[in-house]
């Protein structure tokens, strides 16, 4: 019985080493069949260097966003959703915490970029992947990690390994056409008038 347990443990360790030594196949990116699991955690309960306040998620008035009404969604830079980072509420007003997320990286401990979305669920007008995420009050931020964890490496964090310094929800305004759009419309009108006069 003991021998069987020891054998099982050894095989498990060999399998774990094999995963981190050779990488794993990423079905979303066949051009890179051997990639490695980069591990990181998202916790903004810290004060960024050079700042006097925490790296809050803030509402449009500059206050820590309400944990009751604010949601977040985490994606890889290529648009893949991350398990455990989908439609997450804040832990406290302005603060979030999602532990042990994993992304494919090109080498053990390699860098990565993720995209974080935040929105106020009181102003929903559409959905994304079946979730109510299109809001009149929202924010998007690209977060770059200089390294990730994995294997014997410690888990990467927002505070020590990323460029995240906080984010503020923005009110989504009405789209205003660019000047070139007005010029094209004016040109089209002139052409129509000239064609009408010829008749």
Protein backbone atom coordinates (compact mmCIF):
# COMPACT_ATOMS: atom_id res chain seq x y z
CA UNK A 1 0.00 0.00 0.00
CA UNK A 2 2.80 2.36 0.99
CA UNK A 3 4.79 1.36 -2.08
CA UNK A 4 1.80 2.10 -4.30
CA UNK A 5 1.33 5.53 -2.69
CA UNK A 6 5.02 6.39 -3.15
CA UNK A 7 4.88 5.26 -6.79
CA UNK A 8 1.79 7.40 -7.42
CA UNK A 9 3.44 10.43 -5.80
CA UNK A 10 6.62 10.02 -7.85
CA UNK A 11 4.63 9.69 -11.07
CA UNK A 12 2.68 12.83 -10.16
CA UNK A 13 5.89 14.79 -9.60
CA UNK A 14 7.33 13.55 -12.89
CA UNK A 15 4.16 14.61 -14.70
CA UNK A 16 4.29 18.06 -13.08
CA UNK A 17 7.95 18.53 -14.05
CA UNK A 18 7.13 17.35 -17.55
CA UNK A 19 4.37 19.98 -17.91
CA UNK A 20 6.63 22.82 -16.83
CA UNK A 21 9.67 21.49 -18.67
CA UNK A 22 8.04 20.96 -22.05
CA UNK A 23 5.07 23.29 -21.94
CA UNK A 24 1.57 22.37 -23.11
CA UNK A 25 -0.44 22.52 -26.31
CA UNK A 26 -2.56 25.62 -26.71
CA UNK A 27 -5.56 24.79 -28.96
CA UNK A 28 -6.23 28.51 -29.41
CA UNK A 29 -2.81 29.07 -30.95
CA UNK A 30 -1.64 26.06 -33.01
CA UNK A 31 1.39 28.03 -34.22
CA UNK A 32 2.80 27.79 -30.69
CA UNK A 33 2.22 24.17 -29.66
CA UNK A 34 4.60 24.36 -26.70
CA UNK A 35 3.68 27.09 -24.25
CA UNK A 36 3.89 27.32 -20.50
CA UNK A 37 1.38 28.17 -17.77
CA UNK A 38 2.09 31.63 -16.38
CA UNK A 39 0.38 32.18 -13.03
CA UNK A 40 -0.62 35.53 -11.53
CA UNK A 41 -3.05 37.03 -9.04
CA UNK A 42 -5.09 40.22 -9.26
CA UNK A 43 -5.31 42.25 -6.06
CA UNK A 44 -5.31 46.06 -6.18
CA UNK A 45 -5.17 46.57 -2.41
CA UNK A 46 -1.84 48.38 -2.54
CA UNK A 47 -0.44 51.89 -2.96
CA UNK A 48 1.53 52.29 -6.22
CA UNK A 49 5.01 53.81 -6.08
CA UNK A 50 4.82 57.60 -6.15
CA UNK A 51 1.15 57.66 -5.17
CA UNK A 52 -0.57 58.39 -1.87
CA UNK A 53 -3.72 56.34 -2.54
CA UNK A 54 -4.50 52.74 -3.37
CA UNK A 55 -4.84 51.53 -6.95
CA UNK A 56 -8.62 51.83 -6.77
CA UNK A 57 -11.28 51.17 -9.34
CA UNK A 58 -13.08 54.54 -9.22
CA UNK A 59 -16.51 55.63 -10.35
CA UNK A 60 -17.11 58.63 -12.63
CA UNK A 61 -16.95 60.94 -9.61
CA UNK A 62 -13.52 59.72 -8.54
CA UNK A 63 -14.75 57.72 -5.55
CA UNK A 64 -13.99 54.02 -4.97
CA UNK A 65 -16.49 52.15 -7.15
CA UNK A 66 -19.34 50.37 -5.40
CA UNK A 67 -18.78 46.65 -4.82
CA UNK A 68 -22.53 46.19 -5.13
CA UNK A 69 -22.79 47.58 -8.66
CA UNK A 70 -19.33 47.14 -10.21
CA UNK A 71 -18.25 44.02 -12.11
CA UNK A 72 -15.01 43.02 -13.82
CA UNK A 73 -13.99 40.70 -16.61
CA UNK A 74 -10.42 39.53 -17.38
CA UNK A 75 -9.18 38.49 -20.83
CA UNK A 76 -5.89 37.62 -22.47
CA UNK A 77 -4.53 40.06 -25.02
CA UNK A 78 -5.82 37.82 -27.83
CA UNK A 79 -9.38 38.01 -26.53
CA UNK A 80 -9.69 34.73 -24.62
CA UNK A 81 -11.58 34.82 -21.34
CA UNK A 82 -9.83 33.54 -18.22
CA UNK A 83 -11.45 30.98 -15.94
CA UNK A 84 -12.16 32.62 -12.60
CA UNK A 85 -12.03 36.11 -14.05
CA UNK A 86 -15.48 36.42 -15.61
CA UNK A 87 -18.25 38.71 -14.35
CA UNK A 88 -16.55 39.10 -10.97
CA UNK A 89 -17.86 41.50 -8.30
CA UNK A 90 -15.46 43.67 -6.34
CA UNK A 91 -14.40 42.40 -2.91
CA UNK A 92 -14.71 45.84 -1.32
CA UNK A 93 -15.58 49.28 -2.66
CA UNK A 94 -12.89 50.04 -5.25
CA UNK A 95 -10.96 46.81 -4.54
CA UNK A 96 -10.85 43.45 -6.30
CA UNK A 97 -9.10 40.14 -5.70
CA UNK A 98 -8.87 37.14 -8.03
CA UNK A 99 -6.23 34.57 -7.16
CA UNK A 100 -4.24 32.12 -9.27
CA UNK A 101 -5.20 32.96 -12.84
CA UNK A 102 -3.22 31.18 -15.58
CA UNK A 103 -2.27 32.32 -19.08
CA UNK A 104 -0.11 30.66 -21.77
CA UNK A 105 3.38 32.21 -21.97
CA UNK A 106 6.29 31.46 -24.28
CA UNK A 107 8.72 30.50 -21.52
CA UNK A 108 8.55 29.62 -17.84
CA UNK A 109 7.96 32.86 -15.93
CA UNK A 110 7.56 34.79 -19.18
CA UNK A 111 5.79 38.17 -19.45
CA UNK A 112 2.19 38.61 -20.50
CA UNK A 113 -0.46 41.25 -21.11
CA UNK A 114 -4.06 40.95 -19.95
CA UNK A 115 -7.09 43.18 -20.47
CA UNK A 116 -9.40 44.09 -17.61
CA UNK A 117 -12.90 45.46 -18.13
CA UNK A 118 -15.01 47.13 -15.44
CA UNK A 119 -18.62 48.26 -15.66
CA UNK A 120 -21.53 49.55 -13.62
CA UNK A 121 -24.41 47.06 -13.80
CA UNK A 122 -27.01 49.78 -13.18
CA UNK A 123 -26.54 51.12 -16.71
CA UNK A 124 -26.57 47.96 -18.81
CA UNK A 125 -27.67 48.10 -22.45
CA UNK A 126 -26.20 44.93 -23.99
CA UNK A 127 -24.43 41.63 -23.43
CA UNK A 128 -21.07 39.98 -24.09
CA UNK A 129 -20.89 36.17 -24.19
CA UNK A 130 -24.29 36.02 -22.53
CA UNK A 131 -23.31 38.40 -19.74
CA UNK A 132 -24.59 41.94 -19.16
CA UNK A 133 -21.39 43.87 -19.76
CA UNK A 134 -22.22 46.77 -22.07
CA UNK A 135 -22.74 49.70 -19.76
CA UNK A 136 -22.87 53.47 -20.16
CA UNK A 137 -20.29 53.61 -17.36
CA UNK A 138 -17.29 51.40 -17.97
CA UNK A 139 -13.51 51.19 -18.28
CA UNK A 140 -10.91 49.07 -20.03
CA UNK A 141 -7.25 48.80 -19.05
CA UNK A 142 -4.34 46.85 -20.57
CA UNK A 143 -2.14 45.43 -17.82
CA UNK A 144 1.41 44.31 -18.59
CA UNK A 145 3.19 41.80 -16.34
CA UNK A 146 6.98 41.80 -16.63
CA UNK A 147 6.94 38.16 -15.53
CA UNK A 148 4.56 35.44 -14.35
CA UNK A 149 4.82 32.62 -11.85
CA UNK A 150 4.80 28.89 -12.45
CA UNK A 151 6.75 25.81 -11.42
CA UNK A 152 9.10 26.90 -8.65
CA UNK A 153 8.57 30.59 -9.42
CA UNK A 154 6.36 32.68 -7.10
CA UNK A 155 2.96 33.84 -8.34
CA UNK A 156 3.15 37.26 -10.02
CA UNK A 157 1.15 40.13 -8.51
CA UNK A 158 -0.25 43.45 -9.67
CA UNK A 159 1.74 45.31 -7.05
CA UNK A 160 5.18 43.91 -7.81
CA UNK A 161 5.05 42.76 -11.42
CA UNK A 162 2.64 44.99 -13.37
CA UNK A 163 2.03 48.55 -14.54
CA UNK A 164 -1.45 48.76 -12.96
CA UNK A 165 -2.03 51.96 -10.98
CA UNK A 166 -5.82 52.07 -10.82
CA UNK A 167 -8.65 52.78 -13.24
CA UNK A 168 -11.64 55.14 -13.44
CA UNK A 169 -14.99 54.36 -15.04
CA UNK A 170 -15.89 56.73 -17.85
CA UNK A 171 -19.29 57.84 -19.06
CA UNK A 172 -19.73 56.70 -22.63
CA UNK A 173 -20.75 59.74 -24.69
CA UNK A 174 -22.54 60.07 -28.01
CA UNK A 175 -20.23 59.43 -30.96
CA UNK A 176 -19.41 62.61 -32.87
CA UNK A 177 -18.46 62.28 -36.56
CA UNK A 178 -14.92 63.28 -37.48
CA UNK A 179 -14.40 66.40 -39.66
CA UNK A 180 -13.59 64.16 -42.63
CA UNK A 181 -17.07 62.61 -42.31
CA UNK A 182 -18.67 66.03 -42.62
CA UNK A 183 -16.47 66.81 -45.66
CA UNK A 184 -17.52 63.61 -47.44
CA UNK A 185 -21.18 64.31 -46.69
CA UNK A 186 -20.81 67.86 -48.07
CA UNK A 187 -19.10 66.58 -51.20
CA UNK A 188 -21.89 64.08 -51.76
CA UNK A 189 -24.46 66.86 -51.43
CA UNK A 190 -22.64 69.00 -53.99
CA UNK A 191 -22.56 66.09 -56.47
CA UNK A 192 -26.29 65.51 -56.01
CA UNK A 193 -27.07 69.20 -56.63
CA UNK A 194 -24.94 69.26 -59.79
CA UNK A 195 -26.60 66.10 -61.10
CA UNK A 196 -30.03 67.58 -60.41
CA UNK A 197 -29.18 70.80 -62.31
CA UNK A 198 -28.01 68.85 -65.37
CA UNK A 199 -31.42 67.25 -65.60
